[in-house]
Amino acid sequence: MAIDVDRLLARVPTGLLIGGQWRDASDNSVYEVENPATGETLATLASGTSEDARAAMDAACEVQAGWAATPARERSDILRRAFDLVQERKEEFATLMTLEMGKPLAESRGEVAYGGEFLRWFSEEAVRDYGRYAPTPEGNLRMLTVRKPVGPCLLITPWNFPLAMGTRKVAPAVAAGCTMVLKPARLTPLTSQYFAQTMLDAGLPAGVLNVVSGASASAISNPIMEDPRLRKVSFTGSTPVGKQLMAQATNNVLRTSMELGGNAPFLVFEDADIDAAVEGAMGAKMRNMGEACTAANRFLVHESVAEEFGRKFAEKIGALEVGNGLEPGTTCGPLVEKKAQESVTALVQDATERGARVLVGGKPGQGEGYFFEPTVLADVPRDARVVTEEIFGPVAPIVTFSTEDEAYELANATEYGLASYVYTQDQSRMFRASDHLEYGLMGFNAGVISNAAAPFGGVKQSGLGREGGAEGIAEYTTTQYIGIRDPYAGQ
């Protein structure tokens, strides 16, 4: 159904959510959010200050004990109601994401479905957060372990998946019994603001979720990170910023979950179904215009099939319709801001200067908006920046290899270790690839693998901790051991 954009934007809260109330910034400062497809201002929001951040932390701490004591079934029911509300408002959420982030409306709808699943999944996990009971091996004690909420959390979300990254953090925190301060990305706060209101509408008590948006991330995060009452920080974003937060976290020995940068290899072996590999490559590369930490960054293709793969991939990429994500038929939207467009342009220029061939695309868009032509590059040197750096755009560089061992060596030649993809018809190679690839995620003959029921996270400088799956709620709990004298000891 068609959404009246003006009416929708009028419904999105533009203040700071502190203690259950939307309010202005303490100094009345504001900042603007723009549409990357047009450059036009979408909304003016309150820009949180350090004073506002401290107030939000106070609100979270004030209700932490009561929220932790809330029965798991009640927390579960709130999450389930939130899931239902998100589904009812799916067109509104999808339209907001397309407006502020740029992705095509069909992809935004896909994110609503994906993001909503975290609410449903953790509504079910909330009542299954088990401890255990057993005698000690010596028989002198009974061991009782209980899982307790870790406490107040700071949640920092990125701009590229504004709903899913919010639900992936908020839902397990709610399920575990933690209170939160959510700091959305400066570029895409509208979806987060609307999601927070949806949580209130679902019955989440005042103060459990607080939201402080703002133009300055450090002005908000620093005072909260310094607060001795904070127990955990969860961050999704760049590796450099993640390192800074981890360094800050050492001062108060905070629990951390870090989902950081990626440089995902997409391996196509000589026996792969090339048509299937091309379809998988489209999902792994072009979802979100390539602006995803899991996006295939390097296409490592066996030399015997590189020409066929490159030709067919370029045909698919070249058929994408670039434009405003709200327009029917658009399959590739703009990049999120001018700086992103300039970064991708520089990466492609560096590759071509080093000898790479442009099979399709290769240029920034003209006129309004921050567009870049979907691009495939062949004969890319292994030291080109487009191979060694995270692209975060619709550019696919192809590098060839000769042997299986060489493929794994190339794939691992990066400080990152988030997602990887392998295409082959050899089942035994799947296990060899799993053993050799230094990545937290691997797609086997599949280009899109994220799922709320699966643990998501990386190794090396792609971060630590896991979100989603049974592991996701554990990130928001701490284990307490109780040793009970065995009544039969010594008898």
Protein backbone atom coordinates (compact mmCIF):
# COMPACT_ATOMS: atom_id res chain seq x y z
CA MET A 1 0.00 0.00 0.00
CA ALA A 2 1.12 3.57 -0.64
CA ILE A 3 2.36 5.46 2.39
CA ASP A 4 1.81 9.18 2.84
CA VAL A 5 5.41 10.20 3.57
CA ASP A 6 4.57 13.51 5.24
CA ARG A 7 2.07 11.88 7.59
CA LEU A 8 4.53 9.10 8.38
CA LEU A 9 7.36 11.51 9.20
CA ALA A 10 4.98 13.47 11.43
CA ARG A 11 4.41 10.28 13.46
CA VAL A 12 8.08 9.60 14.10
CA PRO A 13 9.28 10.99 17.45
CA THR A 14 12.03 13.55 17.01
CA GLY A 15 13.06 13.93 20.64
CA LEU A 16 15.10 11.90 23.10
CA LEU A 17 13.44 8.99 24.90
CA ILE A 18 14.41 9.20 28.57
CA GLY A 19 12.46 7.51 31.33
CA GLY A 20 9.53 6.81 29.03
CA GLN A 21 9.13 10.42 27.85
CA TRP A 22 10.17 12.03 24.57
CA ARG A 23 11.93 15.31 25.31
CA ASP A 24 14.09 18.00 23.73
CA ALA A 25 17.86 18.06 24.15
CA SER A 26 19.00 19.77 27.34
CA ASP A 27 20.49 22.65 25.32
CA ASN A 28 17.75 22.52 22.64
CA SER A 29 20.30 21.59 19.97
CA VAL A 30 19.13 19.75 16.85
CA TYR A 31 20.51 18.04 13.75
CA GLU A 32 19.11 17.13 10.35
CA VAL A 33 18.56 13.80 8.62
CA GLU A 34 18.67 13.75 4.83
CA ASN A 35 17.44 11.54 2.03
CA PRO A 36 20.55 10.18 0.22
CA ALA A 37 18.58 9.77 -3.02
CA THR A 38 17.75 13.48 -3.23
CA GLY A 39 19.89 15.31 -0.67
CA GLU A 40 16.72 16.80 0.83
CA THR A 41 16.19 17.14 4.57
CA LEU A 42 13.76 14.57 5.94
CA ALA A 43 13.52 15.62 9.57
CA THR A 44 15.10 17.68 12.32
CA LEU A 45 15.83 15.74 15.51
CA ALA A 46 16.94 16.63 19.01
CA SER A 47 20.71 16.25 19.29
CA GLY A 48 21.56 14.64 22.59
CA THR A 49 24.25 16.08 24.86
CA SER A 50 26.41 14.49 27.54
CA GLU A 51 23.89 15.71 30.09
CA ASP A 52 21.12 13.90 28.22
CA ALA A 53 23.23 10.74 28.06
CA ARG A 54 23.69 10.80 31.83
CA ALA A 55 19.96 11.33 32.31
CA ALA A 56 19.23 8.32 30.11
CA MET A 57 21.70 6.24 32.10
CA ASP A 58 20.05 7.36 35.33
CA ALA A 59 16.66 6.29 33.97
CA ALA A 60 17.98 2.87 32.97
CA CYS A 61 19.65 2.28 36.33
CA GLU A 62 16.58 3.39 38.26
CA VAL A 63 14.42 0.59 36.86
CA GLN A 64 17.08 -2.13 36.41
CA ALA A 65 16.29 -4.04 39.61
CA GLY A 66 12.55 -4.04 39.00
CA TRP A 67 12.94 -5.04 35.36
CA ALA A 68 15.30 -7.89 36.23
CA ALA A 69 12.68 -9.20 38.67
CA THR A 70 9.93 -9.10 36.04
CA PRO A 71 8.76 -12.64 35.19
CA ALA A 72 10.25 -14.03 32.00
CA ARG A 73 6.80 -14.67 30.58
CA GLU A 74 5.93 -10.99 30.89
CA ARG A 75 9.13 -9.98 29.07
CA SER A 76 8.34 -12.62 26.45
CA ASP A 77 4.82 -11.29 25.91
CA ILE A 78 6.11 -7.74 25.41
CA LEU A 79 8.53 -8.92 22.72
CA ARG A 80 5.81 -10.91 21.00
CA ARG A 81 3.49 -7.90 20.98
CA ALA A 82 6.33 -5.82 19.57
CA PHE A 83 6.82 -8.40 16.81
CA ASP A 84 3.14 -8.19 15.91
CA LEU A 85 3.22 -4.39 15.86
CA VAL A 86 6.28 -4.33 13.61
CA GLN A 87 4.44 -6.60 11.17
CA GLU A 88 1.39 -4.33 11.27
CA ARG A 89 3.62 -1.32 10.58
CA LYS A 90 5.88 -3.03 8.05
CA GLU A 91 5.13 -0.59 5.23
CA GLU A 92 5.84 2.35 7.50
CA PHE A 93 9.13 0.88 8.71
CA ALA A 94 10.13 -0.05 5.16
CA THR A 95 9.36 3.42 3.86
CA LEU A 96 11.34 5.07 6.67
CA MET A 97 14.39 2.91 5.96
CA THR A 98 14.28 3.67 2.25
CA LEU A 99 13.89 7.38 2.93
CA GLU A 100 16.81 7.72 5.31
CA MET A 101 19.16 4.97 4.11
CA GLY A 102 18.34 4.61 0.41
CA LYS A 103 17.83 0.89 -0.12
CA PRO A 104 15.07 -0.18 -2.52
CA LEU A 105 11.67 -0.58 -0.91
CA ALA A 106 11.66 -4.33 -1.59
CA GLU A 107 14.90 -4.71 0.37
CA SER A 108 13.53 -2.56 3.18
CA ARG A 109 10.54 -4.90 3.42
CA GLY A 110 12.98 -7.77 3.63
CA GLU A 111 14.73 -6.08 6.53
CA VAL A 112 11.43 -5.62 8.34
CA ALA A 113 10.86 -9.37 8.06
CA TYR A 114 14.42 -10.16 9.16
CA GLY A 115 14.53 -7.59 11.95
CA GLY A 116 11.14 -8.61 13.27
CA GLU A 117 12.31 -12.18 13.65
CA PHE A 118 14.70 -11.16 16.42
CA LEU A 119 11.71 -9.97 18.43
CA ARG A 120 9.89 -13.26 17.88
CA TRP A 121 12.98 -15.41 18.44
CA PHE A 122 13.96 -13.76 21.71
CA SER A 123 10.36 -13.73 22.91
CA GLU A 124 10.71 -17.51 22.83
CA GLU A 125 14.25 -17.56 24.27
CA ALA A 126 13.21 -15.35 27.22
CA VAL A 127 11.45 -18.27 28.93
CA ARG A 128 14.23 -20.77 28.11
CA ASP A 129 17.20 -19.05 29.72
CA TYR A 130 18.19 -22.09 31.76
CA GLY A 131 20.76 -22.66 34.47
CA ARG A 132 21.84 -26.17 35.58
CA TYR A 133 22.06 -28.37 38.64
CA ALA A 134 24.44 -31.23 39.35
CA PRO A 135 26.51 -32.82 42.13
CA THR A 136 30.23 -32.17 42.21
CA PRO A 137 32.44 -35.08 41.15
CA GLU A 138 33.63 -35.46 44.76
CA GLY A 139 30.06 -35.73 46.05
CA ASN A 140 30.47 -33.09 48.74
CA LEU A 141 28.53 -30.25 47.07
CA ARG A 142 25.53 -29.68 44.87
CA MET A 143 26.27 -27.20 42.10
CA LEU A 144 23.57 -24.72 41.15
CA THR A 145 24.24 -22.25 38.34
CA VAL A 146 21.86 -19.43 37.54
CA ARG A 147 21.81 -16.95 34.68
CA LYS A 148 21.25 -13.36 35.74
CA PRO A 149 20.86 -10.20 33.65
CA VAL A 150 24.19 -8.48 33.24
CA GLY A 151 22.67 -5.06 33.98
CA PRO A 152 22.39 -1.70 32.22
CA CYS A 153 23.66 -1.78 28.63
CA LEU A 154 24.80 0.73 26.05
CA LEU A 155 23.70 -0.31 22.56
CA ILE A 156 25.27 1.46 19.57
CA THR A 157 23.76 0.64 16.16
CA PRO A 158 24.96 1.37 12.60
CA TRP A 159 23.21 3.14 9.74
CA ASN A 160 23.05 0.32 7.18
CA PHE A 161 20.39 -1.91 8.80
CA PRO A 162 18.59 0.54 11.09
CA LEU A 163 15.79 -1.79 12.16
CA ALA A 164 17.49 -5.20 12.23
CA MET A 165 20.54 -4.00 14.14
CA GLY A 166 18.26 -2.39 16.70
CA THR A 167 16.08 -5.46 17.20
CA ARG A 168 19.14 -7.74 17.26
CA LYS A 169 20.44 -5.88 20.31
CA VAL A 170 17.28 -4.69 22.06
CA ALA A 171 15.38 -8.00 21.90
CA PRO A 172 17.93 -10.17 23.77
CA ALA A 173 18.50 -7.41 26.32
CA VAL A 174 14.76 -7.24 26.98
CA ALA A 175 14.56 -11.04 27.12
CA ALA A 176 17.41 -11.27 29.62
CA GLY A 177 16.08 -8.54 31.89
CA CYS A 178 18.53 -5.73 31.09
CA THR A 179 17.78 -2.03 30.78
CA MET A 180 19.31 -0.06 27.92
CA VAL A 181 20.45 3.19 26.43
CA LEU A 182 20.28 2.96 22.64
CA LYS A 183 22.46 5.28 20.56
CA PRO A 184 21.31 5.09 16.89
CA ALA A 185 23.51 6.10 13.97
CA ARG A 186 23.49 9.80 13.12
CA LEU A 187 22.60 9.12 9.48
CA THR A 188 19.57 6.86 10.08
CA PRO A 189 17.90 7.56 13.43
CA LEU A 190 14.28 7.73 12.25
CA THR A 191 13.74 3.98 12.08
CA SER A 192 15.22 3.58 15.57
CA GLN A 193 13.01 6.31 16.98
CA TYR A 194 9.90 4.71 15.50
CA PHE A 195 11.00 1.28 16.75
CA ALA A 196 11.46 2.64 20.28
CA GLN A 197 7.93 4.06 20.21
CA THR A 198 6.71 0.68 18.98
CA MET A 199 8.34 -0.99 21.99
CA LEU A 200 6.51 1.44 24.27
CA ASP A 201 3.28 0.70 22.43
CA ALA A 202 3.92 -3.00 23.06
CA GLY A 203 3.98 -2.36 26.81
CA LEU A 204 7.70 -1.98 27.59
CA PRO A 205 7.90 -0.15 30.95
CA ALA A 206 9.28 3.38 31.09
CA GLY A 207 13.05 3.56 31.47
CA VAL A 208 13.81 0.05 30.25
CA LEU A 209 14.70 1.38 26.78
CA ASN A 210 16.08 4.89 26.47
CA VAL A 211 17.14 6.45 23.17
CA VAL A 212 19.64 9.28 22.73
CA SER A 213 20.28 10.31 19.14
CA GLY A 214 22.68 13.07 18.24
CA ALA A 215 25.18 14.64 15.93
CA SER A 216 28.12 13.72 18.17
CA ALA A 217 28.54 10.03 18.99
CA SER A 218 31.29 10.61 21.55
CA ALA A 219 29.29 13.24 23.46
CA ILE A 220 26.70 10.54 24.10
CA SER A 221 28.81 7.41 24.50
CA ASN A 222 31.71 8.78 26.56
CA PRO A 223 29.79 9.73 29.73
CA ILE A 224 27.88 6.45 29.65
CA MET A 225 31.06 4.40 29.15
CA GLU A 226 32.61 6.21 32.11
CA ASP A 227 29.65 5.48 34.38
CA PRO A 228 30.55 2.71 36.87
CA ARG A 229 26.95 1.46 36.77
CA LEU A 230 27.21 0.41 33.12
CA ARG A 231 27.72 -3.32 32.73
CA LYS A 232 27.87 -3.93 28.98
CA VAL A 233 28.42 -2.22 25.64
CA SER A 234 27.27 -3.72 22.34
CA PHE A 235 28.52 -2.04 19.19
CA THR A 236 28.10 -2.67 15.47
CA GLY A 237 30.26 -0.54 13.21
CA SER A 238 33.79 0.02 12.02
CA THR A 239 36.81 -1.72 13.46
CA PRO A 240 38.64 1.53 14.37
CA VAL A 241 35.69 2.79 16.42
CA GLY A 242 35.25 -0.67 17.95
CA LYS A 243 38.86 -0.63 19.13
CA GLN A 244 38.33 2.75 20.77
CA LEU A 245 35.27 1.48 22.61
CA MET A 246 37.09 -1.67 23.72
CA ALA A 247 39.91 0.47 25.10
CA GLN A 248 37.37 2.58 27.01
CA ALA A 249 35.65 -0.58 28.25
CA THR A 250 38.79 -1.72 30.05
CA ASN A 251 38.49 1.08 32.61
CA ASN A 252 35.34 -0.45 34.11
CA VAL A 253 35.96 -4.02 32.86
CA LEU A 254 32.78 -3.96 30.80
CA ARG A 255 31.26 -6.90 28.98
CA THR A 256 31.59 -6.16 25.26
CA SER A 257 29.98 -7.41 22.09
CA MET A 258 31.70 -6.10 18.97
CA GLU A 259 30.44 -6.70 15.44
CA LEU A 260 32.99 -4.87 13.34
CA GLY A 261 34.30 -4.60 9.78
CA GLY A 262 34.54 -7.30 7.14
CA ASN A 263 36.38 -8.24 3.96
CA ALA A 264 34.34 -11.25 2.92
CA PRO A 265 35.80 -13.63 0.33
CA PHE A 266 33.48 -15.30 -2.19
CA LEU A 267 35.23 -18.46 -3.42
CA VAL A 268 34.17 -20.02 -6.73
CA PHE A 269 35.90 -23.34 -7.40
CA GLU A 270 36.35 -24.98 -10.79
CA ASP A 271 33.50 -27.46 -10.22
CA ALA A 272 30.96 -24.84 -9.05
CA ASP A 273 27.56 -24.43 -10.68
CA ILE A 274 28.41 -21.06 -12.24
CA ASP A 275 24.81 -19.94 -12.70
CA ALA A 276 24.08 -20.72 -9.05
CA ALA A 277 27.29 -18.94 -8.03
CA VAL A 278 26.26 -15.83 -9.96
CA GLU A 279 22.84 -15.82 -8.27
CA GLY A 280 24.52 -16.22 -4.88
CA ALA A 281 26.99 -13.48 -5.74
CA MET A 282 24.13 -11.08 -6.46
CA GLY A 283 22.73 -11.62 -2.98
CA ALA A 284 26.09 -11.61 -1.22
CA LYS A 285 27.31 -8.47 -3.02
CA MET A 286 24.34 -6.33 -3.97
CA ARG A 287 22.03 -6.63 -0.97
CA ASN A 288 21.97 -3.16 0.58
CA MET A 289 23.99 -1.82 -2.39
CA GLY A 290 27.00 -3.62 -0.94
CA GLU A 291 26.77 -1.55 2.24
CA ALA A 292 26.92 -4.50 4.60
CA CYS A 293 29.69 -5.95 6.74
CA THR A 294 28.79 -9.39 5.37
CA ALA A 295 28.87 -8.21 1.74
CA ALA A 296 31.15 -10.22 -0.53
CA ASN A 297 34.18 -7.98 -0.88
CA ARG A 298 36.56 -10.15 -2.93
CA PHE A 299 35.52 -12.66 -5.58
CA LEU A 300 38.19 -15.34 -5.64
CA VAL A 301 37.48 -17.39 -8.75
CA HIS A 302 39.34 -20.39 -10.17
CA GLU A 303 41.20 -19.36 -13.29
CA SER A 304 39.42 -21.97 -15.42
CA VAL A 305 35.96 -20.45 -14.81
CA ALA A 306 36.85 -16.79 -14.19
CA GLU A 307 35.92 -15.60 -17.66
CA GLU A 308 32.50 -17.28 -17.61
CA PHE A 309 31.73 -16.15 -14.06
CA GLY A 310 32.81 -12.56 -14.77
CA ARG A 311 30.77 -12.33 -17.97
CA LYS A 312 27.58 -13.71 -16.44
CA PHE A 313 28.01 -11.70 -13.23
CA ALA A 314 28.53 -8.48 -15.21
CA GLU A 315 25.36 -9.17 -17.19
CA LYS A 316 23.35 -9.53 -13.98
CA ILE A 317 24.93 -6.51 -12.34
CA GLY A 318 24.45 -4.40 -15.45
CA ALA A 319 20.72 -5.18 -15.52
CA LEU A 320 20.10 -3.56 -12.14
CA GLU A 321 17.93 -0.45 -12.16
CA VAL A 322 19.63 2.37 -10.25
CA GLY A 323 17.41 5.03 -8.72
CA ASN A 324 15.38 6.31 -5.79
CA GLY A 325 14.42 3.31 -3.67
CA LEU A 326 10.80 4.47 -3.46
CA GLU A 327 10.39 4.34 -7.23
CA PRO A 328 8.87 1.13 -8.67
CA GLY A 329 11.42 -1.04 -10.41
CA THR A 330 14.45 0.31 -8.58
CA THR A 331 16.84 -2.51 -7.63
CA CYS A 332 19.88 -0.46 -6.55
CA GLY A 333 19.59 2.68 -4.47
CA PRO A 334 22.11 5.40 -3.57
CA LEU A 335 25.01 5.17 -1.17
CA VAL A 336 24.25 6.64 2.21
CA GLU A 337 26.20 9.92 1.92
CA LYS A 338 28.57 11.91 -0.28
CA LYS A 339 31.63 10.67 1.59
CA ALA A 340 30.67 7.06 0.82
CA GLN A 341 30.29 7.86 -2.88
CA GLU A 342 33.72 9.50 -2.93
CA SER A 343 35.30 6.54 -1.13
CA VAL A 344 33.96 3.99 -3.61
CA THR A 345 35.02 6.18 -6.53
CA ALA A 346 38.57 6.31 -5.18
CA LEU A 347 38.73 2.52 -4.74
CA VAL A 348 37.66 1.87 -8.33
CA GLN A 349 40.08 4.48 -9.66
CA ASP A 350 42.96 2.87 -7.74
CA ALA A 351 42.10 -0.57 -9.16
CA THR A 352 41.90 0.62 -12.77
CA GLU A 353 45.15 2.54 -12.45
CA ARG A 354 46.76 -0.74 -11.35
CA GLY A 355 45.46 -2.57 -14.42
CA ALA A 356 41.98 -3.83 -13.50
CA ARG A 357 39.42 -4.04 -16.32
CA VAL A 358 35.91 -2.62 -15.89
CA LEU A 359 33.40 -5.21 -17.12
CA VAL A 360 30.42 -3.03 -16.26
CA GLY A 361 29.79 0.24 -14.41
CA GLY A 362 32.73 1.97 -12.83
CA LYS A 363 31.47 5.54 -12.39
CA PRO A 364 29.55 7.62 -9.84
CA GLY A 365 26.06 8.69 -10.80
CA GLN A 366 25.30 12.13 -12.12
CA GLY A 367 22.94 14.71 -10.66
CA GLU A 368 21.16 14.53 -7.31
CA GLY A 369 21.76 11.75 -4.86
CA TYR A 370 24.82 9.71 -3.95
CA PHE A 371 24.62 7.01 -6.61
CA PHE A 372 27.34 4.75 -7.97
CA GLU A 373 26.99 2.42 -10.94
CA PRO A 374 26.95 -1.28 -9.99
CA THR A 375 30.43 -2.41 -11.03
CA VAL A 376 32.35 -5.60 -11.81
CA LEU A 377 36.15 -5.46 -12.14
CA ALA A 378 38.29 -8.22 -13.68
CA ASP A 379 42.06 -8.85 -13.57
CA VAL A 380 42.25 -7.04 -10.25
CA PRO A 381 45.75 -7.01 -8.70
CA ARG A 382 45.90 -8.58 -5.26
CA ASP A 383 47.35 -5.43 -3.72
CA ALA A 384 44.65 -3.09 -5.05
CA ARG A 385 42.83 -1.16 -2.35
CA VAL A 386 39.50 -2.59 -3.53
CA VAL A 387 40.84 -6.01 -2.48
CA THR A 388 42.53 -5.08 0.80
CA GLU A 389 39.93 -2.60 2.14
CA GLU A 390 36.24 -2.91 2.95
CA ILE A 391 34.37 -1.49 -0.05
CA PHE A 392 30.88 -0.81 1.36
CA GLY A 393 29.47 -0.18 -2.10
CA PRO A 394 28.23 -1.91 -5.29
CA VAL A 395 31.68 -2.92 -6.59
CA ALA A 396 32.77 -6.53 -7.19
CA PRO A 397 36.49 -7.16 -7.81
CA ILE A 398 37.45 -10.55 -9.31
CA VAL A 399 40.80 -12.15 -8.43
CA THR A 400 41.82 -15.54 -9.82
CA PHE A 401 43.52 -18.52 -8.14
CA SER A 402 44.96 -21.83 -9.33
CA THR A 403 44.79 -24.26 -6.40
CA GLU A 404 42.58 -24.90 -3.41
CA ASP A 405 45.35 -24.05 -0.97
CA GLU A 406 45.98 -20.78 -2.80
CA ALA A 407 42.28 -19.92 -2.51
CA TYR A 408 42.32 -20.37 1.27
CA GLU A 409 45.56 -18.39 1.56
CA LEU A 410 44.05 -15.50 -0.40
CA ALA A 411 40.80 -15.66 1.58
CA ASN A 412 42.61 -15.44 4.91
CA ALA A 413 45.02 -12.68 3.83
CA THR A 414 43.15 -10.00 5.77
CA GLU A 415 42.81 -8.81 9.33
CA TYR A 416 39.05 -9.38 9.10
CA GLY A 417 37.10 -12.57 9.69
CA LEU A 418 33.34 -12.06 9.58
CA ALA A 419 31.59 -13.68 6.58
CA SER A 420 32.81 -16.00 3.82
CA TYR A 421 31.12 -17.80 0.92
CA VAL A 422 32.11 -21.00 -0.87
CA TYR A 423 30.68 -22.37 -4.13
CA THR A 424 31.61 -25.93 -5.09
CA GLN A 425 29.79 -29.21 -5.76
CA ASP A 426 32.34 -31.15 -3.71
CA GLN A 427 30.75 -31.83 -0.31
CA SER A 428 34.08 -32.83 1.23
CA ARG A 429 35.51 -29.47 0.19
CA MET A 430 32.87 -27.80 2.35
CA PHE A 431 34.49 -29.31 5.44
CA ARG A 432 37.99 -28.51 4.23
CA ALA A 433 36.92 -24.92 3.63
CA SER A 434 35.35 -24.73 7.07
CA ASP A 435 38.58 -25.98 8.61
CA HIS A 436 40.77 -23.55 6.69
CA LEU A 437 38.73 -20.34 6.54
CA GLU A 438 39.23 -17.98 9.47
CA TYR A 439 35.70 -16.60 9.54
CA GLY A 440 32.81 -16.62 11.98
CA LEU A 441 30.26 -17.25 9.21
CA MET A 442 30.43 -19.39 6.08
CA GLY A 443 27.82 -19.74 3.36
CA PHE A 444 28.06 -22.99 1.41
CA ASN A 445 26.42 -22.58 -2.01
CA ALA A 446 24.39 -19.79 -0.41
CA GLY A 447 24.87 -16.05 -0.74
CA VAL A 448 22.56 -14.84 2.05
CA ILE A 449 22.79 -16.74 5.33
CA SER A 450 21.82 -14.36 8.16
CA ASN A 451 19.01 -15.68 10.36
CA ALA A 452 17.71 -14.71 13.78
CA ALA A 453 18.06 -18.32 14.97
CA ALA A 454 21.76 -18.47 14.02
CA PRO A 455 24.74 -16.99 15.90
CA PHE A 456 26.18 -13.98 14.06
CA GLY A 457 29.71 -12.70 14.68
CA GLY A 458 33.30 -12.70 13.56
CA VAL A 459 36.87 -13.49 14.52
CA LYS A 460 40.13 -11.57 14.30
CA GLN A 461 39.46 -7.84 13.85
CA SER A 462 35.85 -8.43 12.85
CA GLY A 463 34.92 -8.51 16.51
CA LEU A 464 33.92 -10.77 19.35
CA GLY A 465 30.74 -12.16 20.82
CA ARG A 466 27.67 -13.44 18.98
CA GLU A 467 24.26 -11.96 18.25
CA GLY A 468 21.17 -14.02 17.49
CA GLY A 469 20.61 -17.71 18.12
CA ALA A 470 20.74 -19.35 21.51
CA GLU A 471 24.07 -17.58 22.00
CA GLY A 472 22.48 -14.14 21.69
CA ILE A 473 20.78 -14.03 25.07
CA ALA A 474 23.90 -15.34 26.81
CA GLU A 475 25.67 -12.13 25.80
CA TYR A 476 23.29 -10.24 28.12
CA THR A 477 23.54 -12.56 31.11
CA THR A 478 26.15 -13.46 33.67
CA THR A 479 26.50 -16.84 35.36
CA GLN A 480 26.42 -17.21 39.12
CA TYR A 481 27.50 -20.44 40.79
CA ILE A 482 26.01 -21.48 44.13
CA GLY A 483 27.76 -24.28 45.99
CA ILE A 484 25.34 -26.12 48.31
CA ARG A 485 26.59 -28.49 50.98
CA ASP A 486 25.42 -31.95 50.06
CA PRO A 487 23.15 -33.22 52.89
CA TYR A 488 24.43 -36.76 52.30
CA ALA A 489 28.14 -35.88 52.33
CA GLY A 490 30.05 -38.06 54.79
CA GLN A 491 27.23 -40.54 55.36
